Amino acid sequence: MRLPSAFLAVPVLFYLAIVGGSYVCINSYMNYSKAVTERDTWRQSKSEKDEAKTKFESQSAALDIETQKAEKLAQWIEGTRTLQPICVAITRSIPPEITLGEFSLDRRADMPSQLDLSVRINNGSMQEVARIQSAVQNIQYRTYNSQQLKNKDNLEYKTMLVWQPL
């Protein structure tokens, strides 16, 4: 007895299944290789981007630190701006033959418009104190609670300066 003619297609279908399976396997392997290559490229790109990001963040942090330093310096300069005219006025009011042994200006934290002035004048007299007071008054500061103490050749003068615009 002979096999039906439909069974003649079995060997053809077998060979077609082998060819189709081979195609699927080769195609899958090629796609897998491509995916591995893309993954490696992506990882390398990611590591390069991470390095660039880390470098950028470190530069940004360095810039932030420099910015903070610059802001503190600017605040310090702005805070001393009111002290500069006082220092210049006092030092210009003292004659060249008289020397200042100590000169200090302290700003009060609770009242920034008030300054404590302390000056030690070497070989000076009350006339220098009067010059200092007039120089300070010329730049719109008033002296309060002034104290003078004479020790041998030194004269210590302490006062509180309050800014009073005209």
N, C-alpha and C. Protein backbone atom coordinates (compact mmCIF):
# COMPACT_ATOMS: atom_id res chain seq x y z
N MET A 1 0.79 -1.15 0.00
CA MET A 1 0.00 0.00 0.00
C MET A 1 0.87 1.25 0.00
N ARG A 2 0.36 2.04 -0.69
CA ARG A 2 1.10 3.24 -0.95
C ARG A 2 0.60 4.37 -0.08
N LEU A 3 1.56 5.32 0.25
CA LEU A 3 1.21 6.48 1.09
C LEU A 3 0.44 7.51 0.26
N PRO A 4 -0.42 8.17 0.92
CA PRO A 4 -1.14 9.18 0.15
C PRO A 4 -0.18 10.26 -0.37
N SER A 5 -0.58 10.90 -1.41
CA SER A 5 0.29 11.89 -2.04
C SER A 5 0.53 13.11 -1.16
N ALA A 6 -0.29 13.34 -0.18
CA ALA A 6 -0.07 14.48 0.74
C ALA A 6 1.17 14.24 1.58
N PHE A 7 1.51 12.98 1.79
CA PHE A 7 2.69 12.68 2.58
C PHE A 7 3.99 12.93 1.81
N LEU A 8 3.90 13.12 0.54
CA LEU A 8 5.09 13.46 -0.23
C LEU A 8 5.60 14.85 0.17
N ALA A 9 4.73 15.67 0.69
CA ALA A 9 5.12 17.03 1.10
C ALA A 9 5.88 17.02 2.41
N VAL A 10 5.86 15.88 3.16
CA VAL A 10 6.53 15.83 4.47
C VAL A 10 8.04 16.08 4.34
N PRO A 11 8.76 15.41 3.44
CA PRO A 11 10.19 15.72 3.34
C PRO A 11 10.44 17.15 2.90
N VAL A 12 9.61 17.68 2.04
CA VAL A 12 9.77 19.08 1.59
C VAL A 12 9.53 20.01 2.78
N LEU A 13 8.49 19.72 3.53
CA LEU A 13 8.21 20.55 4.70
C LEU A 13 9.33 20.40 5.75
N PHE A 14 9.91 19.22 5.85
CA PHE A 14 11.01 19.00 6.79
C PHE A 14 12.21 19.88 6.42
N TYR A 15 12.54 19.88 5.15
CA TYR A 15 13.67 20.69 4.70
C TYR A 15 13.36 22.19 4.82
N LEU A 16 12.13 22.54 4.53
CA LEU A 16 11.74 23.95 4.70
C LEU A 16 11.79 24.35 6.18
N ALA A 17 11.41 23.46 7.09
CA ALA A 17 11.49 23.75 8.53
C ALA A 17 12.93 23.91 8.97
N ILE A 18 13.84 23.09 8.41
CA ILE A 18 15.26 23.22 8.75
C ILE A 18 15.79 24.56 8.25
N VAL A 19 15.47 24.91 7.02
CA VAL A 19 15.91 26.19 6.45
C VAL A 19 15.30 27.34 7.24
N GLY A 20 14.01 27.28 7.55
CA GLY A 20 13.34 28.35 8.32
C GLY A 20 13.92 28.46 9.72
N GLY A 21 14.16 27.33 10.39
CA GLY A 21 14.75 27.34 11.72
C GLY A 21 16.15 27.92 11.71
N SER A 22 16.92 27.52 10.64
CA SER A 22 18.27 28.08 10.49
C SER A 22 18.21 29.59 10.31
N TYR A 23 17.26 30.05 9.49
CA TYR A 23 17.10 31.49 9.27
C TYR A 23 16.76 32.20 10.58
N VAL A 24 15.83 31.63 11.33
CA VAL A 24 15.43 32.23 12.60
C VAL A 24 16.62 32.26 13.56
N CYS A 25 17.37 31.16 13.63
CA CYS A 25 18.54 31.11 14.53
C CYS A 25 19.60 32.12 14.12
N ILE A 26 19.90 32.17 12.84
CA ILE A 26 20.92 33.12 12.35
C ILE A 26 20.44 34.55 12.59
N ASN A 27 19.19 34.82 12.28
CA ASN A 27 18.63 36.16 12.48
C ASN A 27 18.66 36.53 13.97
N SER A 28 18.30 35.59 14.84
CA SER A 28 18.32 35.85 16.28
C SER A 28 19.75 36.11 16.76
N TYR A 29 20.70 35.31 16.28
CA TYR A 29 22.10 35.50 16.67
C TYR A 29 22.62 36.85 16.20
N MET A 30 22.27 37.25 14.97
CA MET A 30 22.70 38.56 14.44
C MET A 30 22.10 39.70 15.28
N ASN A 31 20.80 39.58 15.60
CA ASN A 31 20.17 40.61 16.43
C ASN A 31 20.77 40.65 17.84
N TYR A 32 21.11 39.46 18.37
CA TYR A 32 21.74 39.39 19.69
C TYR A 32 23.13 40.06 19.66
N SER A 33 23.90 39.78 18.61
CA SER A 33 25.23 40.40 18.47
C SER A 33 25.10 41.92 18.35
N LYS A 34 24.13 42.34 17.57
CA LYS A 34 23.89 43.78 17.39
C LYS A 34 23.48 44.41 18.72
N ALA A 35 22.64 43.73 19.48
CA ALA A 35 22.18 44.25 20.78
C ALA A 35 23.34 44.32 21.76
N VAL A 36 24.21 43.31 21.75
CA VAL A 36 25.39 43.34 22.64
C VAL A 36 26.31 44.50 22.27
N THR A 37 26.52 44.70 20.98
CA THR A 37 27.36 45.81 20.51
C THR A 37 26.74 47.16 20.91
N GLU A 38 25.44 47.30 20.71
CA GLU A 38 24.75 48.54 21.10
C GLU A 38 24.81 48.76 22.61
N ARG A 39 24.66 47.65 23.39
CA ARG A 39 24.74 47.76 24.84
C ARG A 39 26.13 48.24 25.27
N ASP A 40 27.16 47.65 24.66
CA ASP A 40 28.52 48.06 25.01
C ASP A 40 28.79 49.51 24.62
N THR A 41 28.29 49.89 23.45
CA THR A 41 28.42 51.29 23.02
C THR A 41 27.68 52.22 23.96
N TRP A 42 26.49 51.82 24.37
CA TRP A 42 25.70 52.63 25.30
C TRP A 42 26.41 52.76 26.65
N ARG A 43 26.95 51.64 27.15
CA ARG A 43 27.67 51.68 28.44
C ARG A 43 28.89 52.58 28.35
N GLN A 44 29.62 52.50 27.25
CA GLN A 44 30.78 53.37 27.08
C GLN A 44 30.35 54.83 27.01
N SER A 45 29.30 55.08 26.25
CA SER A 45 28.78 56.44 26.15
C SER A 45 28.30 56.94 27.51
N LYS A 46 27.64 56.06 28.26
CA LYS A 46 27.16 56.44 29.59
C LYS A 46 28.31 56.76 30.52
N SER A 47 29.37 55.93 30.47
CA SER A 47 30.52 56.19 31.34
C SER A 47 31.20 57.50 30.95
N GLU A 48 31.29 57.81 29.65
CA GLU A 48 31.86 59.09 29.21
C GLU A 48 31.00 60.26 29.69
N LYS A 49 29.69 60.10 29.57
CA LYS A 49 28.78 61.16 30.02
C LYS A 49 28.87 61.34 31.55
N ASP A 50 28.97 60.21 32.28
CA ASP A 50 29.11 60.29 33.74
C ASP A 50 30.41 61.00 34.13
N GLU A 51 31.50 60.70 33.42
CA GLU A 51 32.76 61.38 33.68
C GLU A 51 32.64 62.88 33.39
N ALA A 52 32.00 63.21 32.27
CA ALA A 52 31.81 64.62 31.93
C ALA A 52 30.92 65.31 32.96
N LYS A 53 29.89 64.60 33.42
CA LYS A 53 28.99 65.16 34.43
C LYS A 53 29.73 65.38 35.74
N THR A 54 30.56 64.41 36.14
CA THR A 54 31.34 64.54 37.37
C THR A 54 32.31 65.71 37.26
N LYS A 55 32.96 65.83 36.11
CA LYS A 55 33.89 66.95 35.89
C LYS A 55 33.14 68.28 35.94
N PHE A 56 31.98 68.33 35.30
CA PHE A 56 31.18 69.55 35.31
C PHE A 56 30.73 69.90 36.73
N GLU A 57 30.29 68.88 37.49
CA GLU A 57 29.85 69.13 38.86
C GLU A 57 31.00 69.62 39.73
N SER A 58 32.19 69.06 39.54
CA SER A 58 33.33 69.53 40.33
C SER A 58 33.69 70.96 39.95
N GLN A 59 33.64 71.29 38.67
CA GLN A 59 33.89 72.66 38.24
C GLN A 59 32.81 73.59 38.78
N SER A 60 31.57 73.14 38.76
CA SER A 60 30.47 73.94 39.29
C SER A 60 30.63 74.17 40.78
N ALA A 61 31.04 73.12 41.51
CA ALA A 61 31.26 73.27 42.95
C ALA A 61 32.41 74.23 43.22
N ALA A 62 33.47 74.14 42.43
CA ALA A 62 34.59 75.08 42.59
C ALA A 62 34.15 76.50 42.31
N LEU A 63 33.32 76.67 41.28
CA LEU A 63 32.80 78.01 40.98
C LEU A 63 31.89 78.52 42.09
N ASP A 64 31.08 77.63 42.66
CA ASP A 64 30.22 78.03 43.78
C ASP A 64 31.06 78.48 44.98
N ILE A 65 32.13 77.75 45.26
CA ILE A 65 33.02 78.14 46.36
C ILE A 65 33.65 79.50 46.08
N GLU A 66 34.12 79.71 44.86
CA GLU A 66 34.70 81.00 44.50
C GLU A 66 33.66 82.12 44.55
N THR A 67 32.43 81.80 44.15
CA THR A 67 31.35 82.79 44.21
C THR A 67 31.06 83.17 45.66
N GLN A 68 31.03 82.18 46.54
CA GLN A 68 30.79 82.47 47.97
C GLN A 68 31.92 83.32 48.53
N LYS A 69 33.16 83.01 48.17
CA LYS A 69 34.30 83.81 48.63
C LYS A 69 34.17 85.25 48.12
N ALA A 70 33.81 85.39 46.84
CA ALA A 70 33.67 86.72 46.26
C ALA A 70 32.53 87.50 46.92
N GLU A 71 31.42 86.80 47.23
CA GLU A 71 30.30 87.48 47.90
C GLU A 71 30.70 87.92 49.31
N LYS A 72 31.45 87.08 50.02
CA LYS A 72 31.91 87.46 51.35
C LYS A 72 32.86 88.66 51.27
N LEU A 73 33.74 88.65 50.28
CA LEU A 73 34.65 89.77 50.09
C LEU A 73 33.87 91.04 49.76
N ALA A 74 32.87 90.92 48.90
CA ALA A 74 32.05 92.08 48.56
C ALA A 74 31.29 92.60 49.77
N GLN A 75 30.78 91.68 50.60
CA GLN A 75 30.09 92.10 51.82
C GLN A 75 31.05 92.80 52.77
N TRP A 76 32.28 92.28 52.86
CA TRP A 76 33.27 92.89 53.74
C TRP A 76 33.61 94.29 53.24
N ILE A 77 33.82 94.41 51.93
CA ILE A 77 34.14 95.72 51.36
C ILE A 77 32.97 96.68 51.57
N GLU A 78 31.75 96.19 51.35
CA GLU A 78 30.58 97.04 51.56
C GLU A 78 30.46 97.45 53.02
N GLY A 79 30.78 96.53 53.93
CA GLY A 79 30.71 96.84 55.36
C GLY A 79 31.77 97.84 55.80
N THR A 80 32.92 97.83 55.13
CA THR A 80 33.98 98.77 55.50
C THR A 80 33.86 100.10 54.77
N ARG A 81 32.95 100.18 53.84
CA ARG A 81 32.81 101.43 53.10
C ARG A 81 32.52 102.61 54.02
N THR A 82 31.71 102.41 55.03
CA THR A 82 31.40 103.51 55.94
C THR A 82 32.58 103.80 56.87
N LEU A 83 33.45 102.84 57.07
CA LEU A 83 34.60 103.04 57.95
C LEU A 83 35.74 103.77 57.25
N GLN A 84 35.85 103.63 55.96
CA GLN A 84 36.95 104.24 55.23
C GLN A 84 36.99 105.76 55.36
N PRO A 85 35.88 106.47 55.17
CA PRO A 85 35.95 107.93 55.31
C PRO A 85 36.33 108.36 56.73
N ILE A 86 35.89 107.60 57.73
CA ILE A 86 36.22 107.94 59.11
C ILE A 86 37.72 107.80 59.33
N CYS A 87 38.28 106.69 58.88
CA CYS A 87 39.72 106.46 59.04
C CYS A 87 40.53 107.54 58.33
N VAL A 88 40.14 107.86 57.12
CA VAL A 88 40.87 108.88 56.36
C VAL A 88 40.75 110.23 57.03
N ALA A 89 39.56 110.59 57.49
CA ALA A 89 39.36 111.90 58.12
C ALA A 89 40.19 112.01 59.41
N ILE A 90 40.22 110.96 60.20
CA ILE A 90 40.97 111.01 61.46
C ILE A 90 42.47 111.07 61.19
N THR A 91 42.96 110.24 60.29
CA THR A 91 44.40 110.25 60.03
C THR A 91 44.86 111.55 59.38
N ARG A 92 44.02 112.17 58.59
CA ARG A 92 44.39 113.46 57.99
C ARG A 92 44.33 114.60 59.00
N SER A 93 43.55 114.43 60.05
CA SER A 93 43.44 115.50 61.04
C SER A 93 44.64 115.55 62.00
N ILE A 94 45.40 114.47 62.06
CA ILE A 94 46.56 114.40 62.96
C ILE A 94 47.78 114.96 62.22
N PRO A 95 48.52 115.91 62.85
CA PRO A 95 49.73 116.45 62.21
C PRO A 95 50.81 115.37 62.05
N PRO A 96 51.74 115.56 61.14
CA PRO A 96 52.76 114.54 60.88
C PRO A 96 53.68 114.25 62.08
N GLU A 97 53.90 115.22 62.94
CA GLU A 97 54.81 115.00 64.07
C GLU A 97 54.17 114.17 65.18
N ILE A 98 52.86 113.99 65.14
CA ILE A 98 52.13 113.19 66.14
C ILE A 98 51.88 111.82 65.52
N THR A 99 52.07 110.77 66.31
CA THR A 99 51.83 109.41 65.81
C THR A 99 50.68 108.77 66.57
N LEU A 100 50.00 107.89 65.88
CA LEU A 100 48.93 107.11 66.50
C LEU A 100 49.50 105.75 66.91
N GLY A 101 49.41 105.44 68.19
CA GLY A 101 49.91 104.16 68.67
C GLY A 101 48.91 103.05 68.43
N GLU A 102 47.65 103.36 68.54
CA GLU A 102 46.60 102.36 68.35
C GLU A 102 45.38 103.08 67.79
N PHE A 103 44.73 102.44 66.84
CA PHE A 103 43.54 103.01 66.23
C PHE A 103 42.57 101.87 65.99
N SER A 104 41.38 101.97 66.55
CA SER A 104 40.44 100.87 66.40
C SER A 104 39.02 101.41 66.24
N LEU A 105 38.32 100.81 65.30
CA LEU A 105 36.90 101.10 65.07
C LEU A 105 36.15 99.77 65.18
N ASP A 106 35.19 99.71 66.09
CA ASP A 106 34.40 98.50 66.26
C ASP A 106 32.94 98.82 65.98
N ARG A 107 32.34 98.02 65.12
CA ARG A 107 30.93 98.21 64.79
C ARG A 107 30.09 97.39 65.76
N ARG A 108 29.03 97.97 66.22
CA ARG A 108 28.12 97.26 67.12
C ARG A 108 27.18 96.39 66.30
N ALA A 109 27.02 95.17 66.75
CA ALA A 109 26.14 94.24 66.02
C ALA A 109 24.68 94.64 66.14
N ASP A 110 24.28 95.12 67.32
CA ASP A 110 22.89 95.49 67.52
C ASP A 110 22.54 96.83 66.90
N MET A 111 23.51 97.72 66.79
CA MET A 111 23.28 99.05 66.19
C MET A 111 24.41 99.33 65.19
N PRO A 112 24.27 98.95 63.92
CA PRO A 112 25.36 99.13 62.97
C PRO A 112 25.70 100.60 62.71
N SER A 113 24.80 101.51 63.02
CA SER A 113 25.10 102.93 62.80
C SER A 113 25.99 103.49 63.90
N GLN A 114 26.23 102.72 64.96
CA GLN A 114 27.09 103.17 66.05
C GLN A 114 28.44 102.46 65.95
N LEU A 115 29.50 103.24 66.11
CA LEU A 115 30.85 102.71 66.07
C LEU A 115 31.58 103.11 67.34
N ASP A 116 32.38 102.22 67.87
CA ASP A 116 33.23 102.52 69.01
C ASP A 116 34.61 102.87 68.48
N LEU A 117 35.06 104.08 68.77
CA LEU A 117 36.37 104.57 68.33
C LEU A 117 37.30 104.57 69.52
N SER A 118 38.48 104.01 69.31
CA SER A 118 39.51 104.00 70.34
C SER A 118 40.83 104.40 69.68
N VAL A 119 41.45 105.48 70.19
CA VAL A 119 42.69 105.99 69.61
C VAL A 119 43.68 106.23 70.73
N ARG A 120 44.93 105.78 70.55
CA ARG A 120 46.01 106.12 71.46
C ARG A 120 46.96 107.02 70.69
N ILE A 121 47.12 108.24 71.19
CA ILE A 121 47.92 109.25 70.52
C ILE A 121 49.25 109.36 71.27
N ASN A 122 50.35 109.18 70.54
CA ASN A 122 51.67 109.32 71.13
C ASN A 122 52.13 110.78 71.03
N ASN A 123 52.62 111.34 72.11
CA ASN A 123 53.12 112.72 72.15
C ASN A 123 52.04 113.72 71.75
N GLY A 124 50.83 113.45 72.11
CA GLY A 124 49.74 114.33 71.71
C GLY A 124 49.13 115.05 72.90
N SER A 125 48.20 115.93 72.57
CA SER A 125 47.52 116.70 73.61
C SER A 125 46.02 116.70 73.31
N MET A 126 45.30 117.47 74.09
CA MET A 126 43.85 117.58 73.90
C MET A 126 43.51 118.27 72.57
N GLN A 127 44.48 118.97 72.04
CA GLN A 127 44.26 119.65 70.76
C GLN A 127 44.02 118.61 69.65
N GLU A 128 44.73 117.48 69.69
CA GLU A 128 44.53 116.42 68.69
C GLU A 128 43.14 115.79 68.84
N VAL A 129 42.68 115.67 70.10
CA VAL A 129 41.34 115.15 70.33
C VAL A 129 40.30 116.08 69.71
N ALA A 130 40.50 117.37 69.86
CA ALA A 130 39.59 118.35 69.25
C ALA A 130 39.62 118.25 67.73
N ARG A 131 40.81 118.02 67.17
CA ARG A 131 40.92 117.87 65.71
C ARG A 131 40.17 116.61 65.25
N ILE A 132 40.34 115.53 66.01
CA ILE A 132 39.63 114.29 65.66
C ILE A 132 38.12 114.51 65.71
N GLN A 133 37.64 115.17 66.76
CA GLN A 133 36.21 115.42 66.90
C GLN A 133 35.68 116.28 65.75
N SER A 134 36.42 117.32 65.39
CA SER A 134 35.94 118.17 64.29
C SER A 134 35.99 117.43 62.95
N ALA A 135 37.01 116.59 62.74
CA ALA A 135 37.10 115.82 61.49
C ALA A 135 35.94 114.84 61.39
N VAL A 136 35.58 114.23 62.51
CA VAL A 136 34.47 113.28 62.52
C VAL A 136 33.15 114.00 62.31
N GLN A 137 32.99 115.18 62.89
CA GLN A 137 31.76 115.94 62.72
C GLN A 137 31.60 116.42 61.28
N ASN A 138 32.71 116.66 60.60
CA ASN A 138 32.64 117.10 59.20
C ASN A 138 32.08 116.01 58.28
N ILE A 139 32.18 114.77 58.68
CA ILE A 139 31.63 113.69 57.84
C ILE A 139 30.34 113.15 58.44
N GLN A 140 29.65 113.95 59.21
CA GLN A 140 28.31 113.71 59.73
C GLN A 140 28.24 112.62 60.80
N TYR A 141 29.27 112.50 61.59
CA TYR A 141 29.24 111.61 62.75
C TYR A 141 29.31 112.47 64.00
N ARG A 142 28.58 112.06 65.01
CA ARG A 142 28.60 112.77 66.30
C ARG A 142 29.26 111.89 67.32
N THR A 143 30.01 112.52 68.22
CA THR A 143 30.69 111.77 69.29
C THR A 143 29.85 111.81 70.55
N TYR A 144 29.74 110.66 71.19
CA TYR A 144 29.01 110.54 72.44
C TYR A 144 29.86 109.74 73.42
N ASN A 145 29.69 110.09 74.70
CA ASN A 145 30.36 109.36 75.77
C ASN A 145 31.88 109.32 75.56
N SER A 146 32.46 110.49 75.30
CA SER A 146 33.90 110.59 75.06
C SER A 146 34.67 110.48 76.37
N GLN A 147 35.80 109.80 76.30
CA GLN A 147 36.67 109.65 77.46
C GLN A 147 38.11 109.86 77.02
N GLN A 148 38.85 110.68 77.77
CA GLN A 148 40.25 110.91 77.50
C GLN A 148 41.04 110.50 78.75
N LEU A 149 42.15 109.84 78.55
CA LEU A 149 42.98 109.41 79.66
C LEU A 149 44.43 109.69 79.28
N LYS A 150 45.12 110.51 80.09
CA LYS A 150 46.50 110.90 79.81
C LYS A 150 47.43 110.04 80.65
N ASN A 151 48.33 109.30 80.00
CA ASN A 151 49.37 108.49 80.66
C ASN A 151 50.73 108.94 80.11
N LYS A 152 51.51 109.64 80.90
CA LYS A 152 52.83 110.13 80.49
C LYS A 152 52.74 110.83 79.14
N ASP A 153 53.33 110.22 78.08
CA ASP A 153 53.31 110.85 76.75
C ASP A 153 52.14 110.37 75.90
N ASN A 154 51.39 109.41 76.39
CA ASN A 154 50.29 108.85 75.62
C ASN A 154 48.96 109.42 76.08
N LEU A 155 48.09 109.63 75.09
CA LEU A 155 46.73 110.10 75.37
C LEU A 155 45.78 109.07 74.75
N GLU A 156 44.93 108.49 75.58
CA GLU A 156 43.94 107.54 75.08
C GLU A 156 42.59 108.23 74.98
N TYR A 157 42.00 108.09 73.81
CA TYR A 157 40.72 108.74 73.54
C TYR A 157 39.74 107.66 73.08
N LYS A 158 38.61 107.55 73.78
CA LYS A 158 37.55 106.58 73.43
C LYS A 158 36.24 107.33 73.32
N THR A 159 35.48 106.96 72.32
CA THR A 159 34.18 107.60 72.12
C THR A 159 33.28 106.68 71.29
N MET A 160 32.02 107.02 71.29
CA MET A 160 31.05 106.31 70.46
C MET A 160 30.65 107.27 69.34
N LEU A 161 30.72 106.80 68.12
CA LEU A 161 30.35 107.60 66.95
C LEU A 161 28.98 107.16 66.46
N VAL A 162 28.12 108.14 66.24
CA VAL A 162 26.78 107.88 65.71
C VAL A 162 26.60 108.72 64.47
N TRP A 163 26.20 108.07 63.39
CA TRP A 163 25.99 108.79 62.14
C TRP A 163 24.69 109.57 62.21
N GLN A 164 24.79 110.86 61.90
CA GLN A 164 23.61 111.73 61.91
C GLN A 164 23.64 112.62 60.69
N PRO A 165 22.84 112.29 59.71
CA PRO A 165 22.83 113.13 58.50
C PRO A 165 22.26 114.51 58.84
N LEU A 166 22.75 115.46 58.07
CA LEU A 166 22.30 116.84 58.30
C LEU A 166 20.91 117.08 57.81
